[in-house]
N, C-alpha and C. Protein backbone atom coordinates (compact mmCIF):
# COMPACT_ATOMS: atom_id res chain seq x y z
N MET A 1 110.97 102.60 129.67
CA MET A 1 109.79 103.16 128.53
C MET A 1 109.07 101.94 127.72
N ARG A 2 110.28 101.45 126.88
CA ARG A 2 109.58 100.31 125.60
C ARG A 2 109.38 98.93 126.98
N HIS A 3 109.92 98.71 128.42
CA HIS A 3 109.68 97.57 128.98
C HIS A 3 108.69 97.59 129.73
N ALA A 4 108.31 98.88 130.19
CA ALA A 4 107.02 98.90 130.94
C ALA A 4 105.68 98.79 129.81
N CYS A 5 105.87 99.23 128.85
CA CYS A 5 105.13 98.97 127.50
C CYS A 5 104.75 97.63 127.28
N LEU A 6 105.82 96.87 127.17
CA LEU A 6 105.79 95.30 127.05
C LEU A 6 104.87 94.54 127.94
N LEU A 7 105.53 94.94 129.54
CA LEU A 7 104.91 94.66 130.79
C LEU A 7 103.17 95.05 131.22
N ALA A 8 103.07 96.27 130.69
CA ALA A 8 101.77 95.95 130.00
C ALA A 8 101.11 95.23 129.49
N LEU A 9 101.36 94.96 128.40
CA LEU A 9 100.38 94.45 127.28
C LEU A 9 100.07 93.00 128.16
N ALA A 10 101.88 92.49 128.16
CA ALA A 10 101.83 90.89 129.16
C ALA A 10 100.50 90.83 130.60
N SER A 11 100.46 92.11 131.03
CA SER A 11 99.58 92.05 131.85
C SER A 11 98.43 91.81 131.68
N THR A 12 97.94 91.89 130.30
CA THR A 12 96.39 92.17 129.98
C THR A 12 96.24 90.53 129.54
N GLY A 13 96.74 89.83 129.69
CA GLY A 13 97.06 88.26 129.05
C GLY A 13 96.18 88.34 128.20
N CYS A 14 96.45 89.06 126.96
CA CYS A 14 96.22 88.87 125.52
C CYS A 14 97.39 89.25 124.21
N ILE A 15 98.01 87.83 124.49
CA ILE A 15 99.64 87.78 123.76
C ILE A 15 99.18 87.71 122.30
N ALA A 16 99.96 88.15 121.37
CA ALA A 16 99.99 87.93 120.11
C ALA A 16 101.60 88.26 119.59
N MET A 17 102.04 86.35 119.30
CA MET A 17 103.12 87.09 118.62
C MET A 17 103.49 86.02 117.48
N SER A 18 104.64 86.43 116.13
CA SER A 18 104.48 85.63 114.95
C SER A 18 105.66 85.99 114.46
N VAL A 19 106.35 85.48 113.82
CA VAL A 19 107.66 84.78 113.21
C VAL A 19 107.35 84.58 111.67
N ARG A 20 108.09 85.13 110.62
CA ARG A 20 107.23 84.79 109.13
C ARG A 20 109.20 85.32 108.35
N ALA A 21 108.86 84.13 107.57
CA ALA A 21 109.98 83.87 106.53
C ALA A 21 109.79 84.57 105.19
N GLN A 22 109.85 85.14 104.04
CA GLN A 22 109.39 84.95 103.02
C GLN A 22 110.19 85.70 101.81
N THR A 23 109.77 85.50 100.67
CA THR A 23 110.45 85.82 99.44
C THR A 23 110.05 85.77 99.05
N GLY A 24 110.15 86.90 97.58
CA GLY A 24 109.48 87.90 96.83
C GLY A 24 110.22 88.86 95.64
N VAL A 25 109.36 89.15 95.16
CA VAL A 25 109.65 90.20 93.84
C VAL A 25 109.22 91.65 93.97
N VAL A 26 110.42 92.55 93.88
CA VAL A 26 110.02 93.93 94.22
C VAL A 26 110.05 94.90 92.84
N ALA A 27 109.31 95.78 92.18
CA ALA A 27 108.86 96.07 91.07
C ALA A 27 108.49 97.75 91.01
N ASP A 28 109.25 98.21 90.27
CA ASP A 28 108.64 99.60 89.94
C ASP A 28 108.72 99.86 88.52
N ASP A 29 108.68 101.18 88.26
CA ASP A 29 109.21 101.56 86.57
C ASP A 29 110.55 101.57 86.47
N ARG A 30 111.32 101.19 87.31
CA ARG A 30 112.51 101.20 87.21
C ARG A 30 113.48 99.68 86.90
N GLY A 31 112.33 99.15 87.29
CA GLY A 31 112.98 97.73 86.83
C GLY A 31 112.22 96.43 88.35
N ALA A 32 112.75 95.37 88.31
CA ALA A 32 112.07 94.68 89.06
C ALA A 32 113.52 93.70 89.78
N GLY A 33 113.26 94.02 91.49
CA GLY A 33 114.36 92.75 92.12
C GLY A 33 113.75 92.05 92.79
N VAL A 34 114.70 91.00 93.37
CA VAL A 34 114.69 90.11 94.24
C VAL A 34 114.55 90.43 95.40
N GLN A 35 113.64 90.31 96.41
CA GLN A 35 113.94 90.21 98.19
C GLN A 35 113.56 89.52 98.91
N ALA A 36 113.97 88.89 99.93
CA ALA A 36 114.16 87.91 100.88
C ALA A 36 114.08 88.33 102.21
N GLY A 37 112.82 87.77 103.61
CA GLY A 37 113.77 88.67 104.58
C GLY A 37 112.77 87.72 105.94
N VAL A 38 113.11 88.22 106.93
CA VAL A 38 112.48 87.47 108.24
C VAL A 38 111.84 89.15 108.75
N VAL A 39 110.58 88.78 109.48
CA VAL A 39 109.67 89.72 110.31
C VAL A 39 109.47 88.78 111.57
N LEU A 40 109.87 89.53 112.90
CA LEU A 40 109.37 88.55 114.17
C LEU A 40 108.49 90.11 114.68
N GLY A 41 107.33 89.51 114.74
CA GLY A 41 106.05 90.73 115.48
C GLY A 41 105.49 90.11 117.02
N PHE A 42 105.34 91.41 117.58
CA PHE A 42 104.84 90.81 118.61
C PHE A 42 103.43 92.20 118.62
N GLY A 43 102.35 91.68 119.55
CA GLY A 43 100.78 92.77 119.96
C GLY A 43 99.99 91.80 120.53
N TYR A 44 98.57 92.42 120.11
CA TYR A 44 97.54 92.09 121.12
C TYR A 44 96.86 90.90 120.63
N ALA A 45 96.22 89.89 121.16
CA ALA A 45 95.72 88.86 120.67
C ALA A 45 94.09 89.75 120.80
N THR A 46 93.04 89.59 120.12
CA THR A 46 91.94 90.61 120.18
C THR A 46 91.15 88.85 120.87
N ASP A 47 91.25 87.38 120.24
CA ASP A 47 91.27 86.61 120.80
C ASP A 47 91.30 85.31 120.25
N THR A 48 91.36 84.23 120.44
CA THR A 48 92.31 82.88 119.77
C THR A 48 92.26 83.20 118.27
N ASP A 49 91.50 83.92 117.70
CA ASP A 49 91.72 83.90 116.36
C ASP A 49 91.90 85.12 115.36
N ALA A 50 92.59 86.26 116.18
CA ALA A 50 92.39 87.50 115.86
C ALA A 50 94.12 88.17 116.18
N GLY A 51 94.26 88.81 116.23
CA GLY A 51 95.27 90.44 116.88
C GLY A 51 96.35 91.01 116.02
N VAL A 52 96.80 91.88 116.69
CA VAL A 52 97.39 93.22 115.91
C VAL A 52 98.65 93.11 116.20
N LEU A 53 99.32 92.79 115.29
CA LEU A 53 101.27 92.61 115.63
C LEU A 53 102.23 93.79 115.15
N VAL A 54 102.96 93.99 115.48
CA VAL A 54 103.18 95.39 114.96
C VAL A 54 105.05 94.23 115.30
N GLY A 55 105.71 94.63 113.98
CA GLY A 55 106.95 93.60 113.61
C GLY A 55 107.94 94.48 113.04
N ALA A 56 109.30 93.79 113.21
CA ALA A 56 110.06 94.25 112.63
C ALA A 56 111.08 93.06 112.52
N GLY A 57 112.12 93.43 111.20
CA GLY A 57 113.12 92.19 110.38
C GLY A 57 113.71 92.92 109.66
N VAL A 58 114.84 91.94 109.01
CA VAL A 58 115.46 92.75 107.86
C VAL A 58 115.21 91.77 106.48
N SER A 59 115.65 92.32 105.59
CA SER A 59 114.98 91.94 104.10
C SER A 59 116.50 91.87 103.14
N SER A 60 116.60 91.09 102.49
CA SER A 60 117.94 91.64 101.51
C SER A 60 117.88 90.85 100.43
N GLY A 61 118.47 91.61 99.47
CA GLY A 61 118.58 91.20 97.74
C GLY A 61 118.84 92.28 96.95
N THR A 62 118.22 92.15 96.23
CA THR A 62 118.84 93.00 95.13
C THR A 62 117.85 94.32 94.99
N SER A 63 116.69 94.68 95.64
CA SER A 63 116.59 95.51 95.83
C SER A 63 115.34 95.78 97.20
N PRO A 64 115.95 96.23 98.02
CA PRO A 64 117.67 96.99 98.44
C PRO A 64 118.66 95.40 98.69
N ALA A 65 119.64 95.67 98.78
CA ALA A 65 120.50 94.71 99.33
C ALA A 65 120.69 94.09 100.94
N LEU A 66 120.58 95.48 101.52
CA LEU A 66 120.11 94.88 103.14
C LEU A 66 119.11 96.53 103.77
N GLY A 67 117.86 95.51 104.09
CA GLY A 67 117.46 96.63 104.95
C GLY A 67 116.33 96.47 106.35
N VAL A 68 115.95 97.47 106.42
CA VAL A 68 115.07 96.89 107.95
C VAL A 68 113.53 97.39 107.85
N THR A 69 112.88 96.17 108.37
CA THR A 69 111.74 96.30 107.45
C THR A 69 110.65 95.94 108.79
N SER A 70 109.68 97.06 108.76
CA SER A 70 108.57 97.02 110.44
C SER A 70 107.50 97.29 109.29
N THR A 71 106.45 95.99 110.12
CA THR A 71 105.43 96.08 109.78
C THR A 71 104.48 96.56 111.18
N ILE A 72 102.82 96.51 110.68
CA ILE A 72 102.02 97.19 111.42
C ILE A 72 100.46 95.73 110.73
N ASP A 73 100.42 94.90 111.80
CA ASP A 73 99.04 94.31 110.88
C ASP A 73 98.14 93.80 111.81
N TYR A 74 97.19 93.19 111.07
CA TYR A 74 95.80 93.01 111.50
C TYR A 74 96.07 91.54 111.36
N VAL A 75 96.06 90.29 111.59
CA VAL A 75 95.59 89.09 111.35
C VAL A 75 94.49 88.06 112.04
N ARG A 76 93.78 87.22 110.84
CA ARG A 76 92.75 86.55 111.14
C ARG A 76 92.81 85.14 111.06
N LEU A 77 93.22 84.52 111.60
CA LEU A 77 92.82 83.24 111.64
C LEU A 77 91.48 82.23 111.48
N ARG A 78 90.84 81.57 110.25
CA ARG A 78 89.93 81.24 110.68
C ARG A 78 90.09 79.78 110.39
N GLU A 79 89.47 78.23 110.14
CA GLU A 79 89.77 77.43 110.69
C GLU A 79 90.35 76.64 109.00
N ARG A 80 90.10 77.07 107.77
CA ARG A 80 90.62 76.43 106.77
C ARG A 80 91.56 77.71 106.09
N LEU A 81 91.45 79.02 106.46
CA LEU A 81 92.25 79.92 105.52
C LEU A 81 92.19 80.98 106.65
N GLY A 82 93.23 81.84 106.32
CA GLY A 82 93.29 83.16 107.19
C GLY A 82 94.17 84.27 106.57
N TRP A 83 93.90 85.21 107.08
CA TRP A 83 94.61 86.68 106.01
C TRP A 83 95.60 87.26 107.26
N ARG A 84 95.69 88.41 106.67
CA ARG A 84 96.57 89.67 107.00
C ARG A 84 96.88 90.42 106.23
N ALA A 85 96.55 91.82 106.79
CA ALA A 85 96.34 93.37 106.28
C ALA A 85 96.83 94.15 107.25
N GLY A 86 97.80 95.20 106.72
CA GLY A 86 98.49 95.93 107.53
C GLY A 86 99.08 96.93 106.41
N PHE A 87 99.80 97.57 107.53
CA PHE A 87 101.14 98.59 106.84
C PHE A 87 102.67 98.40 107.15
N THR A 88 103.27 98.60 105.68
CA THR A 88 104.74 97.91 105.45
C THR A 88 105.79 98.46 105.34
N GLY A 89 107.21 99.00 105.22
CA GLY A 89 108.00 99.90 105.52
C GLY A 89 109.40 99.26 105.53
N THR A 90 110.17 99.40 104.44
CA THR A 90 111.52 98.44 104.26
C THR A 90 112.48 100.22 103.90
N VAL A 91 113.41 100.52 104.90
CA VAL A 91 114.16 101.54 104.91
C VAL A 91 115.19 100.90 104.20
N PRO A 92 116.51 101.06 102.78
CA PRO A 92 117.75 100.50 102.47
C PRO A 92 118.88 100.59 103.97
N ALA A 93 119.49 99.65 104.28
CA ALA A 93 120.62 99.76 104.44
C ALA A 93 121.75 100.37 103.81
N ILE A 94 121.90 99.51 103.14
CA ILE A 94 122.83 99.15 102.19
C ILE A 94 121.84 99.38 100.81
N GLY A 95 122.42 100.25 99.73
CA GLY A 95 121.34 99.87 98.05
C GLY A 95 120.64 100.58 98.47
N ASP A 96 119.39 100.74 97.29
CA ASP A 96 117.82 101.58 97.62
C ASP A 96 117.11 100.68 97.13
N GLY A 97 115.85 101.61 96.82
CA GLY A 97 114.42 100.56 96.24
C GLY A 97 113.87 100.50 97.54
N ALA A 98 113.66 101.38 98.59
CA ALA A 98 112.76 101.19 99.70
C ALA A 98 110.84 101.29 99.49
N LEU A 99 110.39 99.82 99.83
CA LEU A 99 108.92 100.48 99.65
C LEU A 99 108.28 100.59 100.83
N THR A 100 107.38 101.34 100.93
CA THR A 100 106.54 101.74 102.03
C THR A 100 105.22 101.49 101.45
N GLY A 101 104.00 100.50 102.52
CA GLY A 101 102.52 100.73 101.65
C GLY A 101 101.78 99.75 102.31
N LEU A 102 100.84 99.37 101.77
CA LEU A 102 99.78 98.38 102.52
C LEU A 102 99.84 97.09 101.72
N ASP A 103 99.41 96.55 102.71
CA ASP A 103 99.96 94.88 102.41
C ASP A 103 98.69 94.48 102.93
N VAL A 104 98.56 92.66 101.73
CA VAL A 104 97.35 91.69 102.27
C VAL A 104 98.08 90.38 101.83
N ALA A 105 97.51 89.79 102.63
CA ALA A 105 98.20 88.62 102.53
C ALA A 105 97.39 87.14 102.92
N THR A 106 97.23 86.37 102.25
CA THR A 106 96.35 84.52 102.25
C THR A 106 96.99 84.02 103.09
N LEU A 107 96.81 83.25 104.07
CA LEU A 107 97.29 82.39 104.90
C LEU A 107 96.29 81.15 104.63
N PHE A 108 97.07 80.23 104.39
CA PHE A 108 96.95 78.77 104.16
C PHE A 108 97.39 78.09 104.89
N PRO A 109 96.89 76.84 106.34
CA PRO A 109 97.23 76.90 107.22
C PRO A 109 97.72 75.51 107.01
N LEU A 110 99.32 75.01 107.50
CA LEU A 110 99.34 73.38 107.14
C LEU A 110 99.06 72.74 108.83
N ARG A 111 99.28 73.95 109.85
CA ARG A 111 99.07 72.99 111.20
C ARG A 111 98.56 74.34 111.98
N ASP A 112 97.72 73.38 112.59
CA ASP A 112 96.49 74.68 113.53
C ASP A 112 96.36 73.93 114.77
N HIS A 113 96.89 74.12 115.68
CA HIS A 113 96.81 73.56 117.21
C HIS A 113 96.06 74.24 118.06
N THR A 114 95.02 74.38 118.96
CA THR A 114 94.83 74.94 119.50
C THR A 114 94.67 74.45 120.96
N SER A 115 94.74 75.11 122.01
CA SER A 115 94.62 74.40 123.57
C SER A 115 93.68 75.12 124.30
N TYR A 116 92.91 74.62 125.75
CA TYR A 116 92.65 75.28 126.17
C TYR A 116 92.57 74.58 127.99
N ASP A 117 93.09 75.67 128.72
CA ASP A 117 93.36 74.85 130.06
C ASP A 117 92.43 75.85 131.01
N GLY A 118 91.28 74.82 131.57
CA GLY A 118 90.63 76.02 132.42
C GLY A 118 90.76 75.08 134.18
N SER A 119 90.53 76.14 135.10
CA SER A 119 90.48 75.78 136.70
C SER A 119 89.55 75.79 137.15
N GLU A 120 89.36 74.86 138.47
CA GLU A 120 87.82 75.50 139.20
C GLU A 120 87.81 76.39 139.78
N LYS A 121 89.35 77.77 139.66
CA LYS A 121 89.14 79.05 140.20
C LYS A 121 88.90 79.68 139.23
N GLY A 122 88.41 79.34 138.07
CA GLY A 122 88.26 80.54 137.11
C GLY A 122 89.25 81.26 136.13
N PHE A 123 90.26 80.64 136.69
CA PHE A 123 91.63 81.22 135.91
C PHE A 123 91.58 79.79 134.47
N SER A 124 92.02 80.42 133.25
CA SER A 124 91.98 79.71 132.21
C SER A 124 92.84 80.28 131.25
N VAL A 125 93.38 79.39 130.48
CA VAL A 125 94.02 80.07 128.96
C VAL A 125 93.81 79.54 127.80
N ALA A 126 93.17 80.19 126.76
CA ALA A 126 93.21 79.66 125.34
C ALA A 126 94.06 80.15 124.80
N SER A 127 94.81 79.00 124.13
CA SER A 127 95.76 79.05 123.49
C SER A 127 95.82 78.87 121.74
N ARG A 128 96.67 79.59 120.50
CA ARG A 128 96.20 78.92 119.18
C ARG A 128 97.73 79.23 118.80
N SER A 129 98.73 78.12 117.55
CA SER A 129 99.01 78.16 117.06
C SER A 129 99.05 78.03 115.91
N VAL A 130 99.26 78.55 114.56
CA VAL A 130 99.05 78.74 113.57
C VAL A 130 100.39 78.44 112.29
N LEU A 131 100.86 77.13 111.79
CA LEU A 131 101.96 77.52 110.83
C LEU A 131 101.16 77.37 109.73
N ALA A 132 101.42 78.67 108.65
CA ALA A 132 101.18 78.53 107.58
C ALA A 132 101.53 78.95 106.46
N ILE A 133 101.09 79.22 105.09
CA ILE A 133 102.12 79.23 103.60
C ILE A 133 101.25 80.65 103.81
N SER A 134 102.10 82.03 103.18
CA SER A 134 101.52 82.89 102.47
C SER A 134 101.78 83.33 101.34
N VAL A 135 100.61 83.83 101.35
CA VAL A 135 100.64 84.25 99.70
C VAL A 135 100.67 86.05 100.02
N GLU A 136 101.76 86.88 99.64
CA GLU A 136 101.53 87.95 99.99
C GLU A 136 101.47 88.98 98.82
N ALA A 137 100.67 90.17 98.74
CA ALA A 137 100.89 91.46 97.75
C ALA A 137 100.81 93.08 98.16
N ALA A 138 101.76 93.82 98.23
CA ALA A 138 102.04 94.78 98.99
C ALA A 138 102.45 95.93 97.41
N LEU A 139 101.48 96.86 97.86
CA LEU A 139 101.54 98.05 97.12
C LEU A 139 102.00 99.54 97.79
N GLY A 140 102.78 100.27 97.21
CA GLY A 140 102.50 101.32 97.68
C GLY A 140 104.11 102.43 97.38
N GLY A 141 104.63 103.43 97.60
CA GLY A 141 105.33 104.09 97.08
C GLY A 141 107.27 103.53 97.44
N VAL A 142 107.96 103.24 95.98
CA VAL A 142 108.97 103.00 96.23
C VAL A 142 110.30 104.07 96.11
N VAL A 143 110.94 104.26 96.94
CA VAL A 143 112.09 105.66 97.04
C VAL A 143 113.33 105.26 96.43
N HIS A 144 114.05 105.50 95.37
CA HIS A 144 115.52 105.85 94.91
C HIS A 144 116.18 106.91 95.34
N ASP A 145 117.49 106.48 95.48
CA ASP A 145 118.24 107.48 95.29
C ASP A 145 117.70 108.64 96.16
N VAL A 146 117.54 108.50 97.58
CA VAL A 146 117.55 109.57 98.31
C VAL A 146 118.24 110.76 98.83
N GLU A 147 118.22 111.46 98.61
CA GLU A 147 119.08 112.89 98.76
C GLU A 147 118.26 114.00 99.90
N PRO A 148 119.03 115.00 100.65
CA PRO A 148 117.84 116.13 100.60
C PRO A 148 117.65 116.80 99.94
N ALA A 149 118.05 117.08 98.86
CA ALA A 149 117.22 118.30 98.08
C ALA A 149 116.27 117.34 97.37
N HIS A 150 116.06 116.12 97.03
CA HIS A 150 115.67 115.64 96.09
C HIS A 150 115.22 113.77 96.21
N ILE A 151 113.91 113.93 96.46
CA ILE A 151 113.54 112.34 97.26
C ILE A 151 112.19 112.23 95.72
N ALA A 152 112.69 111.00 94.81
CA ALA A 152 112.44 110.61 93.85
C ALA A 152 111.31 109.27 94.24
N MET A 153 109.82 109.70 94.44
CA MET A 153 108.75 108.75 94.94
C MET A 153 107.75 108.08 93.74
N ARG A 154 108.22 107.04 93.29
CA ARG A 154 107.28 105.97 92.10
C ARG A 154 106.77 104.98 92.96
N PHE A 155 105.71 104.76 92.18
CA PHE A 155 104.54 103.65 92.68
C PHE A 155 105.24 102.40 92.02
N GLY A 156 104.82 101.27 93.18
CA GLY A 156 105.56 100.12 93.23
C GLY A 156 104.54 99.10 93.72
N GLY A 157 105.56 97.96 93.77
CA GLY A 157 104.79 96.68 94.62
C GLY A 157 105.68 95.66 94.85
N ARG A 158 105.08 94.53 95.48
CA ARG A 158 106.01 93.25 96.29
C ARG A 158 105.39 92.20 95.85
N ALA A 159 105.22 91.09 95.46
CA ALA A 159 104.44 89.65 95.56
C ALA A 159 105.52 88.97 96.50
N SER A 160 105.10 88.08 97.09
CA SER A 160 105.68 87.27 97.62
C SER A 160 105.31 85.55 98.31
N LEU A 161 106.27 85.03 98.44
CA LEU A 161 105.59 83.57 99.33
C LEU A 161 106.23 83.67 100.88
N GLY A 162 105.63 82.72 101.34
CA GLY A 162 106.10 83.00 102.75
C GLY A 162 105.64 81.90 103.35
N LEU A 163 106.19 81.37 104.47
CA LEU A 163 105.88 80.53 105.72
C LEU A 163 106.26 81.69 107.16
N GLU A 164 104.82 81.22 107.54
CA GLU A 164 104.58 81.79 108.84
C GLU A 164 104.04 81.22 109.81
N LEU A 165 104.78 81.55 111.36
CA LEU A 165 104.14 80.65 112.39
C LEU A 165 103.73 82.32 113.32
N VAL A 166 102.09 81.60 113.59
CA VAL A 166 101.49 83.00 114.17
C VAL A 166 100.64 82.21 115.58
N SER A 167 101.07 82.91 116.95
CA SER A 167 100.34 82.76 118.06
C SER A 167 99.82 83.51 118.59
N LEU A 168 98.44 82.68 119.13
CA LEU A 168 97.72 83.91 120.08
C LEU A 168 97.18 83.07 120.59
N GLU A 169 97.19 83.82 122.25
CA GLU A 169 97.19 83.44 123.72
C GLU A 169 96.18 84.44 124.76
N ARG A 170 94.86 83.67 125.51
CA ARG A 170 94.79 84.71 125.82
C ARG A 170 94.07 84.08 127.03
N TRP A 171 94.75 84.96 128.07
CA TRP A 171 94.48 84.61 130.20
C TRP A 171 93.22 84.90 130.60
N ARG A 172 92.37 84.46 131.30
CA ARG A 172 91.32 84.84 131.68
C ARG A 172 91.08 84.70 133.19
């Protein structure tokens, strides 16, 4: 089933891919911790300036020691400034301090490459890849000491700095 979904997405001719590495601070009322992670995203490009990405990755640090991260983001790339907004969640594999909530990031492009290849028969490919520095903030619930009988959720957040590569491609 998963391969069928990927095949269907690829056949639309609208592919979005991203990879990002980030590091930052995670905090709640119990204190603060440091977290670094990598997320790989794949999704649908609405055009060469925007796309919807679903990502998965890993994070490590003091909060949690090791976690699995998942994201759903809408990315919008402008000429001099871009942004990303969506939903993020980290499930701890080792340690505690799972953050689930909304995230927003400003993207400052370092490199922006756009290409277009058209043919006389009507088939064309437009693509754009952007390497950017990201400044991200996330707010949501932080869960500590997960036990079936008692789950304590607190308000928390994350601020991070990262490096992102976003590629958007449209075939017609």
